[in-house]
Amino acid sequence: MENKKGLGRGLGSLLGMFDDDEPVEVKKDAKGKIEEINGEKVSEIDIKLIDVNPNQPRKNFEPTALKELADSIKVHGVIQPIIVNKTGDRYIIVAGERRFRASKLAGLKTIPAIVKNYTEQQIKEISLLENIQREDLNPIEVANAMKELLEIYGWTQDVLADRLGKSRPAIANTLRLLTLQPEVIALIESGKLSAGHARSLVVVSDPETQVKLAKLAVSKKVTVRDLEKTVKQLSNPKPKKINIEPSVELKELIEIMQHKFATKVSFMGNDKKGRIYIDYYSKEDLDRILDFLNK
């Protein structure tokens, strides 16, 4: 268990090497190429010797974004080295597969890399954490990666939140996306439904209603705020007012009473139960009504 804490610090250092709030020590050679970053040696490795990680949680790389990165690499080179693990005469990518793919697309023969010697378990952890922290995964891929970390290492959500620098509720809300219906999950994976829309739909327990709302949000371009309002209305419907029309007999009774008492008579309710109101406007009115009732 001790190596997990140390690995976390190392991972934070490596993945944060170009973040504005992280101190970075860069050593370059005479030609301006990076030799070391924060004490980690950077080597130029033949791209043909590098293999992608089969356990990479990210399965889809958006072609247009990849092409844009490749164009940038052609002009500026690979600014941030990838991290690889040496296995025999070859290397497996631990972090930076997107940069690797873009570099191949740009026609590079070599790529700057930091070579590590991690165990298979450590590679798995770093790959998952790196993708969650830095790559543009869709919300379902992030949720699956989080779930995998919890299952593999037996972590609690609090531990995972600490490792990722996220709040405990953020972890819980992301994991809840996996409880959505398959049709809804497919819409999220395809990018048609946002994470905000998805979180709104998690509380909808009826499967058919959940799918219907998801498809409506996509087809009508419903905003997250409007979808939240709709879901709230479905969860807390206003009670329907029951308006039962009084019977003819009840109406006739009220008319008879008004005629006999010579005053206004009204009622509230129906044939089964209710109240009858007899108005009086003076003591003489009240005495007259009492005299009639005493006959």
C-alpha atoms as a PDB file:
ATOM      1  CA  MET A   1       0.000   0.000   0.000  1.00  0.00           C
ATOM      2  CA  GLU A   2       2.930   2.365   0.642  1.00  0.00           C
ATOM      3  CA  ASN A   3       3.924   2.524  -3.001  1.00  0.00           C
ATOM      4  CA  LYS A   4       0.511   3.966  -3.853  1.00  0.00           C
ATOM      5  CA  LYS A   5       1.208   7.195  -2.018  1.00  0.00           C
ATOM      6  CA  GLY A   6       4.639   7.557  -3.588  1.00  0.00           C
ATOM      7  CA  LEU A   7       3.251   6.729  -6.996  1.00  0.00           C
ATOM      8  CA  GLY A   8       0.613   9.401  -6.565  1.00  0.00           C
ATOM      9  CA  ARG A   9       3.254  12.047  -5.875  1.00  0.00           C
ATOM     10  CA  GLY A  10       5.317  10.905  -8.843  1.00  0.00           C
ATOM     11  CA  LEU A  11       2.292  10.892 -11.071  1.00  0.00           C
ATOM     12  CA  GLY A  12       1.294  14.371  -9.981  1.00  0.00           C
ATOM     13  CA  SER A  13       4.779  15.630 -10.735  1.00  0.00           C
ATOM     14  CA  LEU A  14       4.916  14.043 -14.170  1.00  0.00           C
ATOM     15  CA  LEU A  15       1.396  14.909 -15.263  1.00  0.00           C
ATOM     16  CA  GLY A  16       1.587  18.402 -13.819  1.00  0.00           C
ATOM     17  CA  MET A  17       4.914  19.310 -15.383  1.00  0.00           C
ATOM     18  CA  PHE A  18       3.310  21.921 -17.625  1.00  0.00           C
ATOM     19  CA  ASP A  19       0.597  23.166 -15.275  1.00  0.00           C
ATOM     20  CA  ASP A  20       0.853  26.809 -14.316  1.00  0.00           C
ATOM     21  CA  ASP A  21       0.708  26.112 -10.582  1.00  0.00           C
ATOM     22  CA  GLU A  22       3.444  23.439 -10.579  1.00  0.00           C
ATOM     23  CA  PRO A  23       7.171  24.323 -10.406  1.00  0.00           C
ATOM     24  CA  VAL A  24       8.976  22.921 -13.428  1.00  0.00           C
ATOM     25  CA  GLU A  25      12.718  22.403 -13.799  1.00  0.00           C
ATOM     26  CA  VAL A  26      13.649  21.905 -17.434  1.00  0.00           C
ATOM     27  CA  LYS A  27      17.154  21.093 -18.662  1.00  0.00           C
ATOM     28  CA  LYS A  28      17.915  21.474 -22.375  1.00  0.00           C
ATOM     29  CA  ASP A  29      20.866  20.566 -24.550  1.00  0.00           C
ATOM     30  CA  ALA A  30      22.785  22.907 -26.817  1.00  0.00           C
ATOM     31  CA  LYS A  31      20.211  22.497 -29.611  1.00  0.00           C
ATOM     32  CA  GLY A  32      17.321  23.388 -27.304  1.00  0.00           C
ATOM     33  CA  LYS A  33      16.007  19.872 -26.908  1.00  0.00           C
ATOM     34  CA  ILE A  34      14.682  18.934 -23.489  1.00  0.00           C
ATOM     35  CA  GLU A  35      17.011  16.549 -21.666  1.00  0.00           C
ATOM     36  CA  GLU A  36      15.368  16.509 -18.225  1.00  0.00           C
ATOM     37  CA  ILE A  37      12.105  17.610 -16.613  1.00  0.00           C
ATOM     38  CA  ASN A  38      12.027  17.788 -12.827  1.00  0.00           C
ATOM     39  CA  GLY A  39      15.003  15.442 -12.719  1.00  0.00           C
ATOM     40  CA  GLU A  40      13.384  12.897 -15.076  1.00  0.00           C
ATOM     41  CA  LYS A  41      15.538  12.041 -18.098  1.00  0.00           C
ATOM     42  CA  VAL A  42      13.868  12.608 -21.469  1.00  0.00           C
ATOM     43  CA  SER A  43      14.923  10.283 -24.313  1.00  0.00           C
ATOM     44  CA  GLU A  44      14.156  10.316 -28.029  1.00  0.00           C
ATOM     45  CA  ILE A  45      12.657   6.904 -28.810  1.00  0.00           C
ATOM     46  CA  ASP A  46      11.953   5.341 -32.187  1.00  0.00           C
ATOM     47  CA  ILE A  47       8.174   5.442 -32.671  1.00  0.00           C
ATOM     48  CA  LYS A  48       8.272   1.979 -34.241  1.00  0.00           C
ATOM     49  CA  LEU A  49       9.441   0.539 -30.907  1.00  0.00           C
ATOM     50  CA  ILE A  50       6.475   1.907 -28.981  1.00  0.00           C
ATOM     51  CA  ASP A  51       3.227   0.011 -28.413  1.00  0.00           C
ATOM     52  CA  VAL A  52      -0.070   1.412 -27.183  1.00  0.00           C
ATOM     53  CA  ASN A  53      -1.475   0.266 -23.877  1.00  0.00           C
ATOM     54  CA  PRO A  54      -4.209  -2.359 -24.474  1.00  0.00           C
ATOM     55  CA  ASN A  55      -5.806  -1.314 -21.171  1.00  0.00           C
ATOM     56  CA  GLN A  56      -6.116   2.303 -22.262  1.00  0.00           C
ATOM     57  CA  PRO A  57      -9.530   3.443 -20.952  1.00  0.00           C
ATOM     58  CA  ARG A  58      -9.924   5.890 -23.791  1.00  0.00           C
ATOM     59  CA  LYS A  59     -11.199   4.016 -26.821  1.00  0.00           C
ATOM     60  CA  ASN A  60     -12.077   6.881 -29.164  1.00  0.00           C
ATOM     61  CA  PHE A  61      -9.766   9.637 -30.392  1.00  0.00           C
ATOM     62  CA  GLU A  62     -11.609  12.419 -32.214  1.00  0.00           C
ATOM     63  CA  PRO A  63     -10.050  12.571 -35.731  1.00  0.00           C
ATOM     64  CA  THR A  64     -10.312  16.357 -36.191  1.00  0.00           C
ATOM     65  CA  ALA A  65      -8.723  17.144 -32.811  1.00  0.00           C
ATOM     66  CA  LEU A  66      -5.998  14.569 -33.490  1.00  0.00           C
ATOM     67  CA  LYS A  67      -5.272  16.172 -36.882  1.00  0.00           C
ATOM     68  CA  GLU A  68      -5.049  19.618 -35.246  1.00  0.00           C
ATOM     69  CA  LEU A  69      -2.563  18.298 -32.688  1.00  0.00           C
ATOM     70  CA  ALA A  70      -0.538  16.644 -35.460  1.00  0.00           C
ATOM     71  CA  ASP A  71      -0.384  19.966 -37.352  1.00  0.00           C
ATOM     72  CA  SER A  72       0.809  21.699 -34.175  1.00  0.00           C
ATOM     73  CA  ILE A  73       3.463  19.038 -33.634  1.00  0.00           C
ATOM     74  CA  LYS A  74       4.754  19.538 -37.191  1.00  0.00           C
ATOM     75  CA  VAL A  75       5.402  23.187 -36.345  1.00  0.00           C
ATOM     76  CA  HIS A  76       6.373  23.120 -32.664  1.00  0.00           C
ATOM     77  CA  GLY A  77       7.328  19.499 -32.040  1.00  0.00           C
ATOM     78  CA  VAL A  78       6.154  17.436 -29.065  1.00  0.00           C
ATOM     79  CA  ILE A  79       6.251  19.887 -26.169  1.00  0.00           C
ATOM     80  CA  GLN A  80       5.353  17.412 -23.419  1.00  0.00           C
ATOM     81  CA  PRO A  81       7.138  14.033 -23.421  1.00  0.00           C
ATOM     82  CA  ILE A  82       5.065  10.882 -23.171  1.00  0.00           C
ATOM     83  CA  ILE A  83       5.687   8.351 -20.396  1.00  0.00           C
ATOM     84  CA  VAL A  84       6.582   4.799 -21.392  1.00  0.00           C
ATOM     85  CA  ASN A  85       7.497   1.573 -19.652  1.00  0.00           C
ATOM     86  CA  LYS A  86      10.342  -0.551 -21.018  1.00  0.00           C
ATOM     87  CA  THR A  87       9.436  -4.189 -21.654  1.00  0.00           C
ATOM     88  CA  GLY A  88      12.321  -6.091 -23.265  1.00  0.00           C
ATOM     89  CA  ASP A  89      13.384  -4.258 -26.397  1.00  0.00           C
ATOM     90  CA  ARG A  90      10.093  -2.395 -26.722  1.00  0.00           C
ATOM     91  CA  TYR A  91       8.128   0.243 -24.850  1.00  0.00           C
ATOM     92  CA  ILE A  92       4.491   0.460 -23.796  1.00  0.00           C
ATOM     93  CA  ILE A  93       2.731   3.797 -23.366  1.00  0.00           C
ATOM     94  CA  VAL A  94       1.796   4.622 -19.803  1.00  0.00           C
ATOM     95  CA  ALA A  95       0.640   8.193 -20.428  1.00  0.00           C
ATOM     96  CA  GLY A  96       0.339  10.272 -23.607  1.00  0.00           C
ATOM     97  CA  GLU A  97      -1.188   7.979 -26.237  1.00  0.00           C
ATOM     98  CA  ARG A  98      -2.932  10.933 -27.902  1.00  0.00           C
ATOM     99  CA  ARG A  99       0.415  12.711 -28.364  1.00  0.00           C
ATOM    100  CA  PHE A 100       1.891   9.458 -29.675  1.00  0.00           C
ATOM    101  CA  ARG A 101      -0.891   9.001 -32.248  1.00  0.00           C
ATOM    102  CA  ALA A 102      -0.623  12.637 -33.352  1.00  0.00           C
ATOM    103  CA  SER A 103       3.170  12.318 -33.677  1.00  0.00           C
ATOM    104  CA  LYS A 104       2.775   9.290 -35.963  1.00  0.00           C
ATOM    105  CA  LEU A 105       0.211  11.231 -37.974  1.00  0.00           C
ATOM    106  CA  ALA A 106       2.676  14.127 -38.232  1.00  0.00           C
ATOM    107  CA  GLY A 107       5.288  11.756 -39.658  1.00  0.00           C
ATOM    108  CA  LEU A 108       7.743  11.891 -36.738  1.00  0.00           C
ATOM    109  CA  LYS A 109      10.311   9.097 -36.558  1.00  0.00           C
ATOM    110  CA  THR A 110      11.088   9.570 -32.875  1.00  0.00           C
ATOM    111  CA  ILE A 111       9.218  11.002 -29.900  1.00  0.00           C
ATOM    112  CA  PRO A 112      10.486  12.436 -26.597  1.00  0.00           C
ATOM    113  CA  ALA A 113       9.657  10.113 -23.723  1.00  0.00           C
ATOM    114  CA  ILE A 114      10.371   9.518 -20.061  1.00  0.00           C
ATOM    115  CA  VAL A 115      11.192   5.858 -19.545  1.00  0.00           C
ATOM    116  CA  LYS A 116       9.942   4.299 -16.312  1.00  0.00           C
ATOM    117  CA  ASN A 117      10.066   0.861 -14.791  1.00  0.00           C
ATOM    118  CA  TYR A 118       6.584   0.376 -13.378  1.00  0.00           C
ATOM    119  CA  THR A 119       4.861  -2.865 -12.470  1.00  0.00           C
ATOM    120  CA  GLU A 120       1.831  -3.943 -14.475  1.00  0.00           C
ATOM    121  CA  GLN A 121      -0.402  -2.827 -11.620  1.00  0.00           C
ATOM    122  CA  GLN A 122       1.232   0.587 -11.462  1.00  0.00           C
ATOM    123  CA  ILE A 123       0.868   1.016 -15.226  1.00  0.00           C
ATOM    124  CA  LYS A 124      -2.827   0.285 -14.905  1.00  0.00           C
ATOM    125  CA  GLU A 125      -3.265   2.824 -12.128  1.00  0.00           C
ATOM    126  CA  ILE A 126      -1.299   5.575 -13.849  1.00  0.00           C
ATOM    127  CA  SER A 127      -3.027   4.991 -17.174  1.00  0.00           C
ATOM    128  CA  LEU A 128      -6.444   5.320 -15.581  1.00  0.00           C
ATOM    129  CA  LEU A 129      -5.531   8.324 -13.443  1.00  0.00           C
ATOM    130  CA  GLU A 130      -3.771  10.091 -16.299  1.00  0.00           C
ATOM    131  CA  ASN A 131      -6.766   9.743 -18.567  1.00  0.00           C
ATOM    132  CA  ILE A 132      -9.234  10.919 -15.951  1.00  0.00           C
ATOM    133  CA  GLN A 133      -7.066  13.899 -15.025  1.00  0.00           C
ATOM    134  CA  ARG A 134      -5.749  15.092 -18.341  1.00  0.00           C
ATOM    135  CA  GLU A 135      -7.452  13.536 -21.354  1.00  0.00           C
ATOM    136  CA  ASP A 136     -10.755  14.599 -22.869  1.00  0.00           C
ATOM    137  CA  LEU A 137     -12.678  11.424 -22.108  1.00  0.00           C
ATOM    138  CA  ASN A 138     -16.432  11.358 -22.456  1.00  0.00           C
ATOM    139  CA  PRO A 139     -18.273  11.169 -19.101  1.00  0.00           C
ATOM    140  CA  ILE A 140     -19.003   7.441 -19.421  1.00  0.00           C
ATOM    141  CA  GLU A 141     -15.344   6.612 -20.082  1.00  0.00           C
ATOM    142  CA  VAL A 142     -14.410   8.647 -17.005  1.00  0.00           C
ATOM    143  CA  ALA A 143     -17.038   6.837 -14.923  1.00  0.00           C
ATOM    144  CA  ASN A 144     -15.826   3.429 -16.111  1.00  0.00           C
ATOM    145  CA  ALA A 145     -12.215   4.355 -15.344  1.00  0.00           C
ATOM    146  CA  MET A 146     -13.203   5.480 -11.844  1.00  0.00           C
ATOM    147  CA  LYS A 147     -15.174   2.294 -11.268  1.00  0.00           C
ATOM    148  CA  GLU A 148     -12.219   0.213 -12.417  1.00  0.00           C
ATOM    149  CA  LEU A 149      -9.892   1.961  -9.975  1.00  0.00           C
ATOM    150  CA  LEU A 150     -12.323   1.374  -7.111  1.00  0.00           C
ATOM    151  CA  GLU A 151     -12.671  -2.305  -7.989  1.00  0.00           C
ATOM    152  CA  ILE A 152      -8.982  -3.037  -8.666  1.00  0.00           C
ATOM    153  CA  TYR A 153      -7.556  -1.356  -5.582  1.00  0.00           C
ATOM    154  CA  GLY A 154     -10.524  -1.546  -3.252  1.00  0.00           C
ATOM    155  CA  TRP A 155     -10.391   2.213  -2.776  1.00  0.00           C
ATOM    156  CA  THR A 156     -13.233   4.152  -1.218  1.00  0.00           C
ATOM    157  CA  GLN A 157     -14.690   7.087  -3.104  1.00  0.00           C
ATOM    158  CA  ASP A 158     -12.967   9.390  -0.619  1.00  0.00           C
ATOM    159  CA  VAL A 159      -9.560   7.905  -1.495  1.00  0.00           C
ATOM    160  CA  LEU A 160     -10.268   8.227  -5.217  1.00  0.00           C
ATOM    161  CA  ALA A 161     -11.392  11.823  -4.738  1.00  0.00           C
ATOM    162  CA  ASP A 162      -8.128  12.590  -2.941  1.00  0.00           C
ATOM    163  CA  ARG A 163      -6.030  10.913  -5.665  1.00  0.00           C
ATOM    164  CA  LEU A 164      -7.796  12.836  -8.427  1.00  0.00           C
ATOM    165  CA  GLY A 165      -8.051  16.143  -6.608  1.00  0.00           C
ATOM    166  CA  LYS A 166     -11.833  16.095  -6.979  1.00  0.00           C
ATOM    167  CA  SER A 167     -14.641  16.381  -4.449  1.00  0.00           C
ATOM    168  CA  ARG A 168     -16.358  13.307  -3.049  1.00  0.00           C
ATOM    169  CA  PRO A 169     -19.769  14.388  -4.494  1.00  0.00           C
ATOM    170  CA  ALA A 170     -18.169  14.851  -7.937  1.00  0.00           C
ATOM    171  CA  ILE A 171     -16.923  11.249  -7.848  1.00  0.00           C
ATOM    172  CA  ALA A 172     -20.312   9.945  -6.704  1.00  0.00           C
ATOM    173  CA  ASN A 173     -22.202  11.920  -9.360  1.00  0.00           C
ATOM    174  CA  THR A 174     -19.908  10.664 -12.124  1.00  0.00           C
ATOM    175  CA  LEU A 175     -20.262   7.032 -11.032  1.00  0.00           C
ATOM    176  CA  ARG A 176     -24.061   7.386 -10.957  1.00  0.00           C
ATOM    177  CA  LEU A 177     -23.989   7.919 -14.735  1.00  0.00           C
ATOM    178  CA  LEU A 178     -23.350   4.187 -15.098  1.00  0.00           C
ATOM    179  CA  THR A 179     -26.855   3.502 -13.697  1.00  0.00           C
ATOM    180  CA  LEU A 180     -28.472   5.197 -16.697  1.00  0.00           C
ATOM    181  CA  GLN A 181     -30.285   3.175 -19.351  1.00  0.00           C
ATOM    182  CA  PRO A 182     -28.098   1.768 -22.184  1.00  0.00           C
ATOM    183  CA  GLU A 183     -29.806   4.017 -24.762  1.00  0.00           C
ATOM    184  CA  VAL A 184     -29.002   7.092 -22.684  1.00  0.00           C
ATOM    185  CA  ILE A 185     -25.406   5.975 -22.138  1.00  0.00           C
ATOM    186  CA  ALA A 186     -25.019   5.541 -25.912  1.00  0.00           C
ATOM    187  CA  LEU A 187     -26.135   9.154 -26.447  1.00  0.00           C
ATOM    188  CA  ILE A 188     -23.534  10.351 -23.933  1.00  0.00           C
ATOM    189  CA  GLU A 189     -20.755   8.276 -25.500  1.00  0.00           C
ATOM    190  CA  SER A 190     -21.579   9.674 -28.937  1.00  0.00           C
ATOM    191  CA  GLY A 191     -21.367  13.224 -27.598  1.00  0.00           C
ATOM    192  CA  LYS A 192     -25.034  13.978 -28.342  1.00  0.00           C
ATOM    193  CA  LEU A 193     -25.901  14.285 -24.655  1.00  0.00           C
ATOM    194  CA  SER A 194     -23.753  16.266 -22.214  1.00  0.00           C
ATOM    195  CA  ALA A 195     -22.708  15.246 -18.716  1.00  0.00           C
ATOM    196  CA  GLY A 196     -24.998  17.968 -17.338  1.00  0.00           C
ATOM    197  CA  HIS A 197     -28.008  16.492 -19.139  1.00  0.00           C
ATOM    198  CA  ALA A 198     -27.004  13.016 -17.987  1.00  0.00           C
ATOM    199  CA  ARG A 199     -26.766  14.030 -14.320  1.00  0.00           C
ATOM    200  CA  SER A 200     -30.278  15.494 -14.549  1.00  0.00           C
ATOM    201  CA  LEU A 201     -31.632  12.191 -15.835  1.00  0.00           C
ATOM    202  CA  VAL A 202     -30.053   9.993 -13.156  1.00  0.00           C
ATOM    203  CA  VAL A 203     -32.901  10.748 -10.729  1.00  0.00           C
ATOM    204  CA  VAL A 204     -35.557   9.608 -13.228  1.00  0.00           C
ATOM    205  CA  SER A 205     -36.347   6.087 -12.023  1.00  0.00           C
ATOM    206  CA  ASP A 206     -38.745   5.060 -14.793  1.00  0.00           C
ATOM    207  CA  PRO A 207     -36.628   3.635 -17.666  1.00  0.00           C
ATOM    208  CA  GLU A 208     -39.023   4.611 -20.457  1.00  0.00           C
ATOM    209  CA  THR A 209     -39.373   8.177 -19.178  1.00  0.00           C
ATOM    210  CA  GLN A 210     -35.596   8.478 -18.803  1.00  0.00           C
ATOM    211  CA  VAL A 211     -34.955   7.409 -22.412  1.00  0.00           C
ATOM    212  CA  LYS A 212     -37.798   9.585 -23.705  1.00  0.00           C
ATOM    213  CA  LEU A 213     -36.431  12.685 -21.966  1.00  0.00           C
ATOM    214  CA  ALA A 214     -32.890  11.967 -23.204  1.00  0.00           C
ATOM    215  CA  LYS A 215     -34.037  11.685 -26.826  1.00  0.00           C
ATOM    216  CA  LEU A 216     -36.160  14.813 -26.430  1.00  0.00           C
ATOM    217  CA  ALA A 217     -33.171  16.742 -25.056  1.00  0.00           C
ATOM    218  CA  VAL A 218     -31.139  15.732 -28.121  1.00  0.00           C
ATOM    219  CA  SER A 219     -33.800  16.319 -30.787  1.00  0.00           C
ATOM    220  CA  LYS A 220     -35.121  19.607 -29.372  1.00  0.00           C
ATOM    221  CA  LYS A 221     -31.728  20.856 -28.130  1.00  0.00           C
ATOM    222  CA  VAL A 222     -33.144  21.268 -24.622  1.00  0.00           C
ATOM    223  CA  THR A 223     -30.813  23.130 -22.247  1.00  0.00           C
ATOM    224  CA  VAL A 224     -29.600  21.505 -19.045  1.00  0.00           C
ATOM    225  CA  ARG A 225     -31.549  24.036 -16.972  1.00  0.00           C
ATOM    226  CA  ASP A 226     -34.803  23.327 -18.823  1.00  0.00           C
ATOM    227  CA  LEU A 227     -34.266  19.583 -18.543  1.00  0.00           C
ATOM    228  CA  GLU A 228     -33.690  19.943 -14.797  1.00  0.00           C
ATOM    229  CA  LYS A 229     -36.974  21.839 -14.490  1.00  0.00           C
ATOM    230  CA  THR A 230     -38.823  19.147 -16.429  1.00  0.00           C
ATOM    231  CA  VAL A 231     -37.364  16.381 -14.283  1.00  0.00           C
ATOM    232  CA  LYS A 232     -38.228  18.322 -11.117  1.00  0.00           C
ATOM    233  CA  GLN A 233     -41.825  18.734 -12.258  1.00  0.00           C
ATOM    234  CA  LEU A 234     -42.076  15.014 -12.973  1.00  0.00           C
ATOM    235  CA  SER A 235     -40.602  14.166  -9.578  1.00  0.00           C
ATOM    236  CA  ASN A 236     -42.878  16.592  -7.687  1.00  0.00           C
ATOM    237  CA  PRO A 237     -46.110  16.872  -9.666  1.00  0.00           C
ATOM    238  CA  LYS A 238     -48.664  19.428  -8.503  1.00  0.00           C
ATOM    239  CA  PRO A 239     -51.753  17.774  -7.030  1.00  0.00           C
ATOM    240  CA  LYS A 240     -54.678  17.811  -9.447  1.00  0.00           C
ATOM    241  CA  LYS A 241     -57.732  19.713  -8.364  1.00  0.00           C
ATOM    242  CA  ILE A 242     -60.745  17.452  -8.231  1.00  0.00           C
ATOM    243  CA  ASN A 243     -63.806  19.365  -9.334  1.00  0.00           C
ATOM    244  CA  ILE A 244     -66.924  17.237  -8.802  1.00  0.00           C
ATOM    245  CA  GLU A 245     -70.087  18.812 -10.185  1.00  0.00           C
ATOM    246  CA  PRO A 246     -72.880  18.805  -7.573  1.00  0.00           C
ATOM    247  CA  SER A 247     -75.985  16.769  -8.369  1.00  0.00           C
ATOM    248  CA  VAL A 248     -79.289  18.282  -9.469  1.00  0.00           C
ATOM    249  CA  GLU A 249     -80.846  17.216  -6.167  1.00  0.00           C
ATOM    250  CA  LEU A 250     -78.212  19.143  -4.155  1.00  0.00           C
ATOM    251  CA  LYS A 251     -78.730  22.254  -6.252  1.00  0.00           C
ATOM    252  CA  GLU A 252     -82.484  22.016  -5.790  1.00  0.00           C
ATOM    253  CA  LEU A 253     -82.038  21.672  -2.010  1.00  0.00           C
ATOM    254  CA  ILE A 254     -80.000  24.876  -1.898  1.00  0.00           C
ATOM    255  CA  GLU A 255     -82.638  26.736  -3.936  1.00  0.00           C
ATOM    256  CA  ILE A 256     -85.413  25.526  -1.599  1.00  0.00           C
ATOM    257  CA  MET A 257     -83.457  26.644   1.464  1.00  0.00           C
ATOM    258  CA  GLN A 258     -82.823  30.076  -0.062  1.00  0.00           C
ATOM    259  CA  HIS A 259     -86.550  30.451  -0.769  1.00  0.00           C
ATOM    260  CA  LYS A 260     -87.638  29.281   2.696  1.00  0.00           C
ATOM    261  CA  PHE A 261     -85.068  31.285   4.648  1.00  0.00           C
ATOM    262  CA  ALA A 262     -85.268  34.290   2.336  1.00  0.00           C
ATOM    263  CA  THR A 263     -81.510  34.740   2.451  1.00  0.00           C
ATOM    264  CA  LYS A 264     -78.365  33.645   0.683  1.00  0.00           C
ATOM    265  CA  VAL A 265     -77.498  29.935   1.034  1.00  0.00           C
ATOM    266  CA  SER A 266     -74.289  28.481  -0.346  1.00  0.00           C
ATOM    267  CA  PHE A 267     -72.457  25.169  -0.104  1.00  0.00           C
ATOM    268  CA  MET A 268     -68.981  23.621  -0.415  1.00  0.00           C
ATOM    269  CA  GLY A 269     -68.504  19.951  -1.228  1.00  0.00           C
ATOM    270  CA  ASN A 270     -70.564  17.339  -3.007  1.00  0.00           C
ATOM    271  CA  ASP A 271     -73.349  14.829  -2.415  1.00  0.00           C
ATOM    272  CA  LYS A 272     -71.162  12.710  -0.119  1.00  0.00           C
ATOM    273  CA  LYS A 273     -69.900  15.416   2.236  1.00  0.00           C
ATOM    274  CA  GLY A 274     -69.516  19.140   2.531  1.00  0.00           C
ATOM    275  CA  ARG A 275     -70.881  22.251   4.239  1.00  0.00           C
ATOM    276  CA  ILE A 276     -73.970  24.425   3.794  1.00  0.00           C
ATOM    277  CA  TYR A 277     -73.716  28.115   4.697  1.00  0.00           C
ATOM    278  CA  ILE A 278     -76.780  30.240   5.635  1.00  0.00           C
ATOM    279  CA  ASP A 279     -76.142  33.970   5.651  1.00  0.00           C
ATOM    280  CA  TYR A 280     -77.944  36.424   7.955  1.00  0.00           C
ATOM    281  CA  TYR A 281     -77.474  40.167   7.978  1.00  0.00           C
ATOM    282  CA  SER A 282     -79.286  41.248  11.126  1.00  0.00           C
ATOM    283  CA  LYS A 283     -80.740  39.926  14.407  1.00  0.00           C
ATOM    284  CA  GLU A 284     -84.150  39.964  12.765  1.00  0.00           C
ATOM    285  CA  ASP A 285     -82.817  37.649  10.006  1.00  0.00           C
ATOM    286  CA  LEU A 286     -81.406  35.271  12.594  1.00  0.00           C
ATOM    287  CA  ASP A 287     -84.618  35.263  14.672  1.00  0.00           C
ATOM    288  CA  ARG A 288     -86.678  34.590  11.553  1.00  0.00           C
ATOM    289  CA  ILE A 289     -84.489  31.632  10.567  1.00  0.00           C
ATOM    290  CA  LEU A 290     -84.666  30.223  14.103  1.00  0.00           C
ATOM    291  CA  ASP A 291     -88.444  30.592  14.194  1.00  0.00           C
ATOM    292  CA  PHE A 292     -88.703  28.706  10.906  1.00  0.00           C
ATOM    293  CA  LEU A 293     -86.490  25.881  12.212  1.00  0.00           C
ATOM    294  CA  ASN A 294     -88.518  25.639  15.438  1.00  0.00           C
ATOM    295  CA  LYS A 295     -91.805  25.135  13.610  1.00  0.00           C
END
